[in-house]
Amino acid sequence: MRILLLGSGALACPALRVLRARTADALVGVVTAPDRPGGRRLRMTACPVKALAESEGLPVWTPEKISDPSVVAELAARSPDVAVVAAYGQFLKPNLLAVPRVATINIHPSLLPKYRGAAPVAWAIARGETETGVTVLHVTPAMDAGDMIVQERVPIRDDDTAETLEPRLAELGAALLDRALDLLVSGRAPRIPQDPAGVTFAPKLTKEDGRIDWRWPAAELRNRVRAFQPWPGSRTEFPAGSGRGLRVLEASVAEGRGEPGEILRADAGGLVVAAGRDAVDLRVLQPEGRRPMSGTDFVNGRRPRRGERMG
């Protein structure tokens, strides 16, 4: 089989390595994101998928619009049997979906039909799920709605963040891709419809998602802190109304009651703040322009007082 890979995110590098290892198939090229400014000096930087593909001597395309007719014609000239999508980030229109002879399939890091959309890993953690998984499915014009081929579950550890969970899902996704391609080659690939009653969505993250609302229950607040690492992060301000930013990097649920955002304890034992229900122990913090520090170090340096408010 001739295979074309479309991918930019963390799922794509393990998938690329699996495709290169399938010696009976031919990886005819990789479509990925254009170079973007990165680093302190904002130099144009290739995404890891492009760097890996070029190191393997593969043809690489980086179109701004994947469904542009000239791009589609160039990809069609490679005569792919299957297109594999792995966190590519662009909507695939029918003209592109018509290019592969056999199928266009997608590696999606959730237990579909739950968490369709751009940020399934983060939202699964944010909403307190204890398990997630990976689904390989047929791509259709409707987002993440195609028939499923294979799916496998993965537990979400209590200390997982999006940053720790995503690599595990990427490796599983590559293994499931290998299995799905074997099924397609043999003609035994199932088409399992998704249950419309179970559909939930995982929209693209925005900077606003990282703003802490102290009215949330403590368990939800902690889950969102875990979910939104490394981006958009979880931020508040201290003191309330000061405009002085404070990122929360690690938090746990604690006992306590008070007005949301009220400091209940600030001593050698750490920093505890009231939430909408229960309280939150702010274990690792990063004041704006400073290095990360423990809650105790923050107390020693900033001297917050009981009764003061986070904003």
C-alpha atoms as a PDB file:
ATOM      1  CA  MET A   1       0.000   0.000   0.000  1.00  0.00           C
ATOM      2  CA  ARG A   2       1.038   3.551  -0.722  1.00  0.00           C
ATOM      3  CA  ILE A   3       0.475   5.740   2.352  1.00  0.00           C
ATOM      4  CA  LEU A   4       0.370   9.501   2.825  1.00  0.00           C
ATOM      5  CA  LEU A   5       0.712  10.950   6.351  1.00  0.00           C
ATOM      6  CA  LEU A   6      -0.890  14.221   7.415  1.00  0.00           C
ATOM      7  CA  GLY A   7       0.223  15.282  10.876  1.00  0.00           C
ATOM      8  CA  SER A   8       1.691  18.075  12.960  1.00  0.00           C
ATOM      9  CA  GLY A   9       1.023  17.355  16.631  1.00  0.00           C
ATOM     10  CA  ALA A  10       2.431  14.909  19.161  1.00  0.00           C
ATOM     11  CA  LEU A  11       0.553  11.948  17.690  1.00  0.00           C
ATOM     12  CA  ALA A  12       2.304  12.205  14.362  1.00  0.00           C
ATOM     13  CA  CYS A  13       5.953  11.320  15.132  1.00  0.00           C
ATOM     14  CA  PRO A  14       5.247   7.828  16.557  1.00  0.00           C
ATOM     15  CA  ALA A  15       2.854   7.247  13.645  1.00  0.00           C
ATOM     16  CA  LEU A  16       5.554   8.256  11.174  1.00  0.00           C
ATOM     17  CA  ARG A  17       8.008   5.809  12.743  1.00  0.00           C
ATOM     18  CA  VAL A  18       5.469   2.969  12.516  1.00  0.00           C
ATOM     19  CA  LEU A  19       4.782   3.750   8.871  1.00  0.00           C
ATOM     20  CA  ARG A  20       8.501   3.709   8.057  1.00  0.00           C
ATOM     21  CA  ALA A  21       8.802   0.320   9.757  1.00  0.00           C
ATOM     22  CA  ARG A  22       6.088  -1.218   7.557  1.00  0.00           C
ATOM     23  CA  THR A  23       8.428  -2.498   4.882  1.00  0.00           C
ATOM     24  CA  ALA A  24       5.606  -3.954   2.784  1.00  0.00           C
ATOM     25  CA  ASP A  25       4.129  -0.465   2.377  1.00  0.00           C
ATOM     26  CA  ALA A  26       5.492   2.747   0.909  1.00  0.00           C
ATOM     27  CA  LEU A  27       5.245   6.058   2.776  1.00  0.00           C
ATOM     28  CA  VAL A  28       4.976   8.392  -0.208  1.00  0.00           C
ATOM     29  CA  GLY A  29       5.162  11.667   1.692  1.00  0.00           C
ATOM     30  CA  VAL A  30       4.262  13.754   4.721  1.00  0.00           C
ATOM     31  CA  VAL A  31       1.987  16.780   4.900  1.00  0.00           C
ATOM     32  CA  THR A  32       2.622  18.915   7.970  1.00  0.00           C
ATOM     33  CA  ALA A  33       2.444  22.456   9.344  1.00  0.00           C
ATOM     34  CA  PRO A  34       4.418  25.341   7.839  1.00  0.00           C
ATOM     35  CA  ASP A  35       7.398  26.633   9.809  1.00  0.00           C
ATOM     36  CA  ARG A  36       6.378  29.030  12.575  1.00  0.00           C
ATOM     37  CA  PRO A  37       8.253  31.618  14.685  1.00  0.00           C
ATOM     38  CA  GLY A  38       9.553  30.020  17.878  1.00  0.00           C
ATOM     39  CA  GLY A  39      11.921  30.616  20.758  1.00  0.00           C
ATOM     40  CA  ARG A  40      12.967  33.906  22.320  1.00  0.00           C
ATOM     41  CA  ARG A  41      14.172  35.300  19.011  1.00  0.00           C
ATOM     42  CA  LEU A  42      11.100  34.062  17.121  1.00  0.00           C
ATOM     43  CA  ARG A  43      13.164  32.299  14.499  1.00  0.00           C
ATOM     44  CA  MET A  44      11.251  30.276  11.928  1.00  0.00           C
ATOM     45  CA  THR A  45      11.180  26.730  13.282  1.00  0.00           C
ATOM     46  CA  ALA A  46      10.043  23.445  11.743  1.00  0.00           C
ATOM     47  CA  CYS A  47       7.673  21.262  13.737  1.00  0.00           C
ATOM     48  CA  PRO A  48       9.125  17.921  14.953  1.00  0.00           C
ATOM     49  CA  VAL A  49       7.181  15.978  12.315  1.00  0.00           C
ATOM     50  CA  LYS A  50       8.777  17.924   9.466  1.00  0.00           C
ATOM     51  CA  ALA A  51      12.254  17.542  10.969  1.00  0.00           C
ATOM     52  CA  LEU A  52      11.796  13.782  11.358  1.00  0.00           C
ATOM     53  CA  ALA A  53      10.365  13.355   7.853  1.00  0.00           C
ATOM     54  CA  GLU A  54      13.213  15.304   6.261  1.00  0.00           C
ATOM     55  CA  SER A  55      15.788  13.290   8.232  1.00  0.00           C
ATOM     56  CA  GLU A  56      14.219  10.180   6.662  1.00  0.00           C
ATOM     57  CA  GLY A  57      14.511  11.673   3.182  1.00  0.00           C
ATOM     58  CA  LEU A  58      10.743  11.815   2.681  1.00  0.00           C
ATOM     59  CA  PRO A  59       8.910  14.315   0.462  1.00  0.00           C
ATOM     60  CA  VAL A  60       7.324  16.980   2.675  1.00  0.00           C
ATOM     61  CA  TRP A  61       4.524  19.451   1.963  1.00  0.00           C
ATOM     62  CA  THR A  62       3.652  22.356   4.282  1.00  0.00           C
ATOM     63  CA  PRO A  63       0.578  24.021   2.747  1.00  0.00           C
ATOM     64  CA  GLU A  64      -1.261  26.812   4.509  1.00  0.00           C
ATOM     65  CA  LYS A  65      -4.502  25.408   3.041  1.00  0.00           C
ATOM     66  CA  ILE A  66      -4.486  21.647   2.526  1.00  0.00           C
ATOM     67  CA  SER A  67      -7.640  21.621   0.374  1.00  0.00           C
ATOM     68  CA  ASP A  68      -6.352  24.145  -2.165  1.00  0.00           C
ATOM     69  CA  PRO A  69      -6.908  22.485  -5.589  1.00  0.00           C
ATOM     70  CA  SER A  70      -3.234  22.798  -6.576  1.00  0.00           C
ATOM     71  CA  VAL A  71      -2.144  21.073  -3.351  1.00  0.00           C
ATOM     72  CA  VAL A  72      -4.744  18.331  -3.775  1.00  0.00           C
ATOM     73  CA  ALA A  73      -3.573  17.733  -7.352  1.00  0.00           C
ATOM     74  CA  GLU A  74       0.048  17.436  -6.215  1.00  0.00           C
ATOM     75  CA  LEU A  75      -0.875  14.918  -3.513  1.00  0.00           C
ATOM     76  CA  ALA A  76      -3.080  12.961  -5.914  1.00  0.00           C
ATOM     77  CA  ALA A  77      -0.066  12.595  -8.198  1.00  0.00           C
ATOM     78  CA  ARG A  78       1.547  10.452  -5.471  1.00  0.00           C
ATOM     79  CA  SER A  79      -1.326   7.925  -5.932  1.00  0.00           C
ATOM     80  CA  PRO A  80      -1.859   7.112  -2.233  1.00  0.00           C
ATOM     81  CA  ASP A  81      -4.009   4.137  -1.301  1.00  0.00           C
ATOM     82  CA  VAL A  82      -4.480   5.365   2.281  1.00  0.00           C
ATOM     83  CA  ALA A  83      -4.108   8.761   3.927  1.00  0.00           C
ATOM     84  CA  VAL A  84      -3.345   8.693   7.661  1.00  0.00           C
ATOM     85  CA  VAL A  85      -4.271  11.758   9.724  1.00  0.00           C
ATOM     86  CA  ALA A  86      -2.583  12.307  13.101  1.00  0.00           C
ATOM     87  CA  ALA A  87      -3.279  15.640  14.860  1.00  0.00           C
ATOM     88  CA  TYR A  88      -2.999  17.553  11.607  1.00  0.00           C
ATOM     89  CA  GLY A  89      -5.076  20.572  12.602  1.00  0.00           C
ATOM     90  CA  GLN A  90      -6.727  21.448   9.286  1.00  0.00           C
ATOM     91  CA  PHE A  91     -10.222  20.547   8.099  1.00  0.00           C
ATOM     92  CA  LEU A  92     -10.159  18.036   5.230  1.00  0.00           C
ATOM     93  CA  LYS A  93     -12.647  18.850   2.482  1.00  0.00           C
ATOM     94  CA  PRO A  94     -14.268  16.272   0.164  1.00  0.00           C
ATOM     95  CA  ASN A  95     -11.829  17.006  -2.680  1.00  0.00           C
ATOM     96  CA  LEU A  96      -8.957  15.797  -0.491  1.00  0.00           C
ATOM     97  CA  LEU A  97     -10.867  12.869   0.994  1.00  0.00           C
ATOM     98  CA  ALA A  98     -11.453  11.615  -2.561  1.00  0.00           C
ATOM     99  CA  VAL A  99      -7.703  11.287  -3.255  1.00  0.00           C
ATOM    100  CA  PRO A 100      -6.805   8.008  -1.442  1.00  0.00           C
ATOM    101  CA  ARG A 101      -7.957   4.881  -3.289  1.00  0.00           C
ATOM    102  CA  VAL A 102      -8.887   2.856  -0.177  1.00  0.00           C
ATOM    103  CA  ALA A 103      -9.505   5.172   2.801  1.00  0.00           C
ATOM    104  CA  THR A 104      -8.557   8.215   4.840  1.00  0.00           C
ATOM    105  CA  ILE A 105      -8.184   7.242   8.502  1.00  0.00           C
ATOM    106  CA  ASN A 106      -7.532   9.283  11.619  1.00  0.00           C
ATOM    107  CA  ILE A 107      -5.808   8.597  14.957  1.00  0.00           C
ATOM    108  CA  HIS A 108      -7.912  10.364  17.580  1.00  0.00           C
ATOM    109  CA  PRO A 109      -6.842  10.393  21.263  1.00  0.00           C
ATOM    110  CA  SER A 110     -10.200   9.758  22.920  1.00  0.00           C
ATOM    111  CA  LEU A 111     -12.802   7.058  23.364  1.00  0.00           C
ATOM    112  CA  LEU A 112     -15.088   8.223  20.590  1.00  0.00           C
ATOM    113  CA  PRO A 113     -17.828   9.290  20.440  1.00  0.00           C
ATOM    114  CA  LYS A 114     -16.666  11.149  23.578  1.00  0.00           C
ATOM    115  CA  TYR A 115     -14.439  14.195  23.116  1.00  0.00           C
ATOM    116  CA  ARG A 116     -14.661  14.899  19.427  1.00  0.00           C
ATOM    117  CA  GLY A 117     -12.608  17.947  18.544  1.00  0.00           C
ATOM    118  CA  ALA A 118      -9.229  19.623  18.814  1.00  0.00           C
ATOM    119  CA  ALA A 119      -8.250  19.105  22.482  1.00  0.00           C
ATOM    120  CA  PRO A 120      -9.546  15.716  23.690  1.00  0.00           C
ATOM    121  CA  VAL A 121      -6.619  14.965  26.020  1.00  0.00           C
ATOM    122  CA  ALA A 122      -6.883  18.214  27.973  1.00  0.00           C
ATOM    123  CA  TRP A 123     -10.661  18.175  28.273  1.00  0.00           C
ATOM    124  CA  ALA A 124     -10.784  14.553  29.432  1.00  0.00           C
ATOM    125  CA  ILE A 125      -8.522  15.492  32.366  1.00  0.00           C
ATOM    126  CA  ALA A 126     -10.282  18.805  33.002  1.00  0.00           C
ATOM    127  CA  ARG A 127     -13.638  17.062  33.281  1.00  0.00           C
ATOM    128  CA  GLY A 128     -12.389  14.512  35.772  1.00  0.00           C
ATOM    129  CA  GLU A 129     -12.321  11.402  33.577  1.00  0.00           C
ATOM    130  CA  THR A 130     -10.462   8.419  35.011  1.00  0.00           C
ATOM    131  CA  GLU A 131      -9.860   6.798  31.630  1.00  0.00           C
ATOM    132  CA  THR A 132      -9.483   7.812  28.027  1.00  0.00           C
ATOM    133  CA  GLY A 133      -8.043   6.033  25.015  1.00  0.00           C
ATOM    134  CA  VAL A 134      -7.315   6.116  21.298  1.00  0.00           C
ATOM    135  CA  THR A 135      -9.604   5.466  18.357  1.00  0.00           C
ATOM    136  CA  VAL A 136      -8.612   4.876  14.735  1.00  0.00           C
ATOM    137  CA  LEU A 137     -11.539   5.789  12.506  1.00  0.00           C
ATOM    138  CA  HIS A 138     -12.552   6.592   8.964  1.00  0.00           C
ATOM    139  CA  VAL A 139     -12.515  10.307   8.184  1.00  0.00           C
ATOM    140  CA  THR A 140     -15.725  11.918   6.953  1.00  0.00           C
ATOM    141  CA  PRO A 141     -16.628  15.570   6.321  1.00  0.00           C
ATOM    142  CA  ALA A 142     -18.184  15.701   9.831  1.00  0.00           C
ATOM    143  CA  MET A 143     -15.582  16.216  12.571  1.00  0.00           C
ATOM    144  CA  ASP A 144     -14.424  12.938  14.189  1.00  0.00           C
ATOM    145  CA  ALA A 145     -17.771  11.315  13.287  1.00  0.00           C
ATOM    146  CA  GLY A 146     -16.651   8.471  11.010  1.00  0.00           C
ATOM    147  CA  ASP A 147     -16.998   4.745  11.580  1.00  0.00           C
ATOM    148  CA  MET A 148     -14.425   3.291  13.973  1.00  0.00           C
ATOM    149  CA  ILE A 149     -11.890   0.593  13.081  1.00  0.00           C
ATOM    150  CA  VAL A 150     -10.083  -0.046  16.378  1.00  0.00           C
ATOM    151  CA  GLN A 151     -10.209   1.466  19.855  1.00  0.00           C
ATOM    152  CA  GLU A 152      -8.346   0.867  23.115  1.00  0.00           C
ATOM    153  CA  ARG A 153      -8.744   2.263  26.641  1.00  0.00           C
ATOM    154  CA  VAL A 154      -6.056   3.908  28.792  1.00  0.00           C
ATOM    155  CA  PRO A 155      -6.333   4.823  32.497  1.00  0.00           C
ATOM    156  CA  ILE A 156      -5.752   8.458  33.442  1.00  0.00           C
ATOM    157  CA  ARG A 157      -3.427   8.502  36.444  1.00  0.00           C
ATOM    158  CA  ASP A 158      -4.267  10.747  39.356  1.00  0.00           C
ATOM    159  CA  ASP A 159      -1.114  12.802  38.761  1.00  0.00           C
ATOM    160  CA  ASP A 160      -1.377  12.925  34.958  1.00  0.00           C
ATOM    161  CA  THR A 161      -1.230  16.236  33.154  1.00  0.00           C
ATOM    162  CA  ALA A 162      -1.901  16.707  29.451  1.00  0.00           C
ATOM    163  CA  GLU A 163       1.872  16.823  29.048  1.00  0.00           C
ATOM    164  CA  THR A 164       2.401  13.378  30.626  1.00  0.00           C
ATOM    165  CA  LEU A 165      -0.663  11.654  29.173  1.00  0.00           C
ATOM    166  CA  GLU A 166      -0.313  12.728  25.555  1.00  0.00           C
ATOM    167  CA  PRO A 167       2.948  10.810  24.847  1.00  0.00           C
ATOM    168  CA  ARG A 168       1.394   7.556  26.127  1.00  0.00           C
ATOM    169  CA  LEU A 169      -1.596   8.069  23.863  1.00  0.00           C
ATOM    170  CA  ALA A 170       0.703   8.858  20.937  1.00  0.00           C
ATOM    171  CA  GLU A 171       2.561   5.555  21.319  1.00  0.00           C
ATOM    172  CA  LEU A 172      -0.708   3.642  21.640  1.00  0.00           C
ATOM    173  CA  GLY A 173      -2.058   5.471  18.604  1.00  0.00           C
ATOM    174  CA  ALA A 174       0.907   4.334  16.532  1.00  0.00           C
ATOM    175  CA  ALA A 175       0.358   0.712  17.612  1.00  0.00           C
ATOM    176  CA  LEU A 176      -3.358   0.904  16.795  1.00  0.00           C
ATOM    177  CA  LEU A 177      -2.538   2.460  13.424  1.00  0.00           C
ATOM    178  CA  ASP A 178      -0.340  -0.547  12.637  1.00  0.00           C
ATOM    179  CA  ARG A 179      -3.227  -2.871  13.529  1.00  0.00           C
ATOM    180  CA  ALA A 180      -5.770  -0.862  11.523  1.00  0.00           C
ATOM    181  CA  LEU A 181      -3.570  -0.887   8.423  1.00  0.00           C
ATOM    182  CA  ASP A 182      -3.200  -4.665   8.666  1.00  0.00           C
ATOM    183  CA  LEU A 183      -7.001  -4.940   8.778  1.00  0.00           C
ATOM    184  CA  LEU A 184      -7.358  -2.661   5.754  1.00  0.00           C
ATOM    185  CA  VAL A 185      -4.780  -4.646   3.771  1.00  0.00           C
ATOM    186  CA  SER A 186      -6.575  -7.917   4.529  1.00  0.00           C
ATOM    187  CA  GLY A 187     -10.009  -6.481   3.805  1.00  0.00           C
ATOM    188  CA  ARG A 188     -11.152  -7.291   7.361  1.00  0.00           C
ATOM    189  CA  ALA A 189     -11.340  -3.746   8.749  1.00  0.00           C
ATOM    190  CA  PRO A 190     -14.649  -3.268  10.588  1.00  0.00           C
ATOM    191  CA  ARG A 191     -16.781  -0.155  10.286  1.00  0.00           C
ATOM    192  CA  ILE A 192     -18.259   0.420  13.748  1.00  0.00           C
ATOM    193  CA  PRO A 193     -20.762   3.303  13.822  1.00  0.00           C
ATOM    194  CA  GLN A 194     -20.495   5.797  16.668  1.00  0.00           C
ATOM    195  CA  ASP A 195     -23.428   6.110  19.053  1.00  0.00           C
ATOM    196  CA  PRO A 196     -24.878   9.629  18.575  1.00  0.00           C
ATOM    197  CA  ALA A 197     -26.219   9.558  22.142  1.00  0.00           C
ATOM    198  CA  GLY A 198     -22.684   9.428  23.538  1.00  0.00           C
ATOM    199  CA  VAL A 199     -21.219  12.380  21.644  1.00  0.00           C
ATOM    200  CA  THR A 200     -19.347  15.048  23.623  1.00  0.00           C
ATOM    201  CA  PHE A 201     -16.945  17.712  22.380  1.00  0.00           C
ATOM    202  CA  ALA A 202     -13.452  18.943  23.183  1.00  0.00           C
ATOM    203  CA  PRO A 203     -13.087  22.417  21.664  1.00  0.00           C
ATOM    204  CA  LYS A 204      -9.778  24.042  20.844  1.00  0.00           C
ATOM    205  CA  LEU A 205      -8.132  25.534  23.923  1.00  0.00           C
ATOM    206  CA  THR A 206      -7.930  29.289  24.271  1.00  0.00           C
ATOM    207  CA  LYS A 207      -5.985  31.510  26.630  1.00  0.00           C
ATOM    208  CA  GLU A 208      -9.234  32.248  28.453  1.00  0.00           C
ATOM    209  CA  ASP A 209      -9.559  28.567  29.431  1.00  0.00           C
ATOM    210  CA  GLY A 210      -6.534  29.074  31.688  1.00  0.00           C
ATOM    211  CA  ARG A 211      -8.202  31.740  33.844  1.00  0.00           C
ATOM    212  CA  ILE A 212      -9.013  30.326  37.290  1.00  0.00           C
ATOM    213  CA  ASP A 213     -12.505  30.935  38.630  1.00  0.00           C
ATOM    214  CA  TRP A 214     -12.322  30.367  42.370  1.00  0.00           C
ATOM    215  CA  ARG A 215     -16.050  29.576  42.445  1.00  0.00           C
ATOM    216  CA  TRP A 216     -15.283  26.188  40.867  1.00  0.00           C
ATOM    217  CA  PRO A 217     -15.224  23.190  43.235  1.00  0.00           C
ATOM    218  CA  ALA A 218     -11.698  22.389  44.384  1.00  0.00           C
ATOM    219  CA  ALA A 219     -11.646  19.052  42.531  1.00  0.00           C
ATOM    220  CA  GLU A 220     -12.527  20.761  39.245  1.00  0.00           C
ATOM    221  CA  LEU A 221      -9.947  23.470  39.797  1.00  0.00           C
ATOM    222  CA  ARG A 222      -7.242  20.872  40.436  1.00  0.00           C
ATOM    223  CA  ASN A 223      -8.242  18.917  37.317  1.00  0.00           C
ATOM    224  CA  ARG A 224      -8.038  22.026  35.157  1.00  0.00           C
ATOM    225  CA  VAL A 225      -4.574  22.840  36.521  1.00  0.00           C
ATOM    226  CA  ARG A 226      -3.479  19.337  35.454  1.00  0.00           C
ATOM    227  CA  ALA A 227      -5.257  19.514  32.113  1.00  0.00           C
ATOM    228  CA  PHE A 228      -3.931  22.826  30.868  1.00  0.00           C
ATOM    229  CA  GLN A 229      -0.224  22.117  31.171  1.00  0.00           C
ATOM    230  CA  PRO A 230       1.785  23.233  29.338  1.00  0.00           C
ATOM    231  CA  TRP A 231      -0.724  25.523  27.548  1.00  0.00           C
ATOM    232  CA  PRO A 232      -2.687  27.670  28.246  1.00  0.00           C
ATOM    233  CA  GLY A 233      -1.643  27.101  31.862  1.00  0.00           C
ATOM    234  CA  SER A 234      -3.777  28.069  34.866  1.00  0.00           C
ATOM    235  CA  ARG A 235      -3.483  31.613  36.121  1.00  0.00           C
ATOM    236  CA  THR A 236      -4.898  33.964  38.714  1.00  0.00           C
ATOM    237  CA  GLU A 237      -3.656  37.204  40.268  1.00  0.00           C
ATOM    238  CA  PHE A 238      -2.486  38.118  43.715  1.00  0.00           C
ATOM    239  CA  PRO A 239      -3.595  40.231  45.411  1.00  0.00           C
ATOM    240  CA  ALA A 240      -7.021  40.330  43.766  1.00  0.00           C
ATOM    241  CA  GLY A 241      -7.316  43.353  41.502  1.00  0.00           C
ATOM    242  CA  SER A 242      -3.575  44.022  41.438  1.00  0.00           C
ATOM    243  CA  GLY A 243      -2.997  42.742  37.909  1.00  0.00           C
ATOM    244  CA  ARG A 244       0.037  40.785  39.166  1.00  0.00           C
ATOM    245  CA  GLY A 245      -0.142  37.442  37.410  1.00  0.00           C
ATOM    246  CA  LEU A 246       0.332  34.149  39.227  1.00  0.00           C
ATOM    247  CA  ARG A 247       0.439  30.768  37.490  1.00  0.00           C
ATOM    248  CA  VAL A 248      -0.648  27.655  39.378  1.00  0.00           C
ATOM    249  CA  LEU A 249       1.455  24.678  38.265  1.00  0.00           C
ATOM    250  CA  GLU A 250       0.385  22.074  40.814  1.00  0.00           C
ATOM    251  CA  ALA A 251      -2.529  21.946  43.231  1.00  0.00           C
ATOM    252  CA  SER A 252      -4.368  19.454  45.417  1.00  0.00           C
ATOM    253  CA  VAL A 253      -7.732  19.367  47.156  1.00  0.00           C
ATOM    254  CA  ALA A 254      -7.623  20.388  50.826  1.00  0.00           C
ATOM    255  CA  GLU A 255     -10.104  20.757  53.675  1.00  0.00           C
ATOM    256  CA  GLY A 256     -11.441  24.212  54.387  1.00  0.00           C
ATOM    257  CA  ARG A 257     -14.290  26.623  53.813  1.00  0.00           C
ATOM    258  CA  GLY A 258     -14.430  30.287  52.984  1.00  0.00           C
ATOM    259  CA  GLU A 259     -15.301  32.810  50.322  1.00  0.00           C
ATOM    260  CA  PRO A 260     -13.999  31.680  46.911  1.00  0.00           C
ATOM    261  CA  GLY A 261     -10.435  32.938  46.488  1.00  0.00           C
ATOM    262  CA  GLU A 262      -9.951  33.657  50.193  1.00  0.00           C
ATOM    263  CA  ILE A 263      -6.618  32.605  51.675  1.00  0.00           C
ATOM    264  CA  LEU A 264      -7.319  30.202  54.515  1.00  0.00           C
ATOM    265  CA  ARG A 265      -3.747  29.347  55.430  1.00  0.00           C
ATOM    266  CA  ALA A 266      -0.389  30.907  54.616  1.00  0.00           C
ATOM    267  CA  ASP A 267       2.394  29.483  56.746  1.00  0.00           C
ATOM    268  CA  ALA A 268       5.265  27.006  56.737  1.00  0.00           C
ATOM    269  CA  GLY A 269       2.776  24.290  55.759  1.00  0.00           C
ATOM    270  CA  GLY A 270       1.940  26.051  52.487  1.00  0.00           C
ATOM    271  CA  LEU A 271      -0.800  28.118  50.908  1.00  0.00           C
ATOM    272  CA  VAL A 272      -4.458  27.022  51.038  1.00  0.00           C
ATOM    273  CA  VAL A 273      -7.207  28.957  49.228  1.00  0.00           C
ATOM    274  CA  ALA A 274     -10.976  28.490  49.449  1.00  0.00           C
ATOM    275  CA  ALA A 275     -12.816  27.283  46.361  1.00  0.00           C
ATOM    276  CA  GLY A 276     -16.511  27.050  45.578  1.00  0.00           C
ATOM    277  CA  ARG A 277     -16.496  23.766  47.452  1.00  0.00           C
ATOM    278  CA  ASP A 278     -13.639  22.678  49.734  1.00  0.00           C
ATOM    279  CA  ALA A 279     -10.235  24.339  49.319  1.00  0.00           C
ATOM    280  CA  VAL A 280      -7.079  24.088  47.222  1.00  0.00           C
ATOM    281  CA  ASP A 281      -3.507  23.619  48.397  1.00  0.00           C
ATOM    282  CA  LEU A 282      -1.372  25.572  45.935  1.00  0.00           C
ATOM    283  CA  ARG A 283       1.704  23.369  45.864  1.00  0.00           C
ATOM    284  CA  VAL A 284       3.733  24.874  42.995  1.00  0.00           C
ATOM    285  CA  LEU A 285       3.361  28.469  41.795  1.00  0.00           C
ATOM    286  CA  GLN A 286       5.061  30.814  39.365  1.00  0.00           C
ATOM    287  CA  PRO A 287       4.722  34.559  39.920  1.00  0.00           C
ATOM    288  CA  GLU A 288       4.870  36.614  36.740  1.00  0.00           C
ATOM    289  CA  GLY A 289       8.463  37.007  35.603  1.00  0.00           C
ATOM    290  CA  ARG A 290       9.802  34.599  38.229  1.00  0.00           C
ATOM    291  CA  ARG A 291      10.813  30.952  38.429  1.00  0.00           C
ATOM    292  CA  PRO A 292       8.437  28.239  39.673  1.00  0.00           C
ATOM    293  CA  MET A 293       8.448  27.828  43.453  1.00  0.00           C
ATOM    294  CA  SER A 294       6.698  25.843  46.173  1.00  0.00           C
ATOM    295  CA  GLY A 295       3.700  27.241  47.971  1.00  0.00           C
ATOM    296  CA  THR A 296       5.860  27.539  51.094  1.00  0.00           C
ATOM    297  CA  ASP A 297       8.518  29.560  49.255  1.00  0.00           C
ATOM    298  CA  PHE A 298       5.806  31.826  47.877  1.00  0.00           C
ATOM    299  CA  VAL A 299       4.499  32.407  51.415  1.00  0.00           C
ATOM    300  CA  ASN A 300       7.998  33.184  52.661  1.00  0.00           C
ATOM    301  CA  GLY A 301       8.679  35.618  49.826  1.00  0.00           C
ATOM    302  CA  ARG A 302       5.342  37.383  49.294  1.00  0.00           C
ATOM    303  CA  ARG A 303       3.987  37.194  52.854  1.00  0.00           C
ATOM    304  CA  PRO A 304       0.309  36.673  51.948  1.00  0.00           C
ATOM    305  CA  ARG A 305      -2.029  36.914  54.929  1.00  0.00           C
ATOM    306  CA  ARG A 306      -5.041  34.876  55.901  1.00  0.00           C
ATOM    307  CA  GLY A 307      -8.171  36.579  54.625  1.00  0.00           C
ATOM    308  CA  GLU A 308      -6.518  38.145  51.569  1.00  0.00           C
ATOM    309  CA  ARG A 309      -7.987  37.200  48.201  1.00  0.00           C
ATOM    310  CA  MET A 310      -6.767  35.650  44.986  1.00  0.00           C
ATOM    311  CA  GLY A 311      -8.309  37.395  41.961  1.00  0.00           C
END
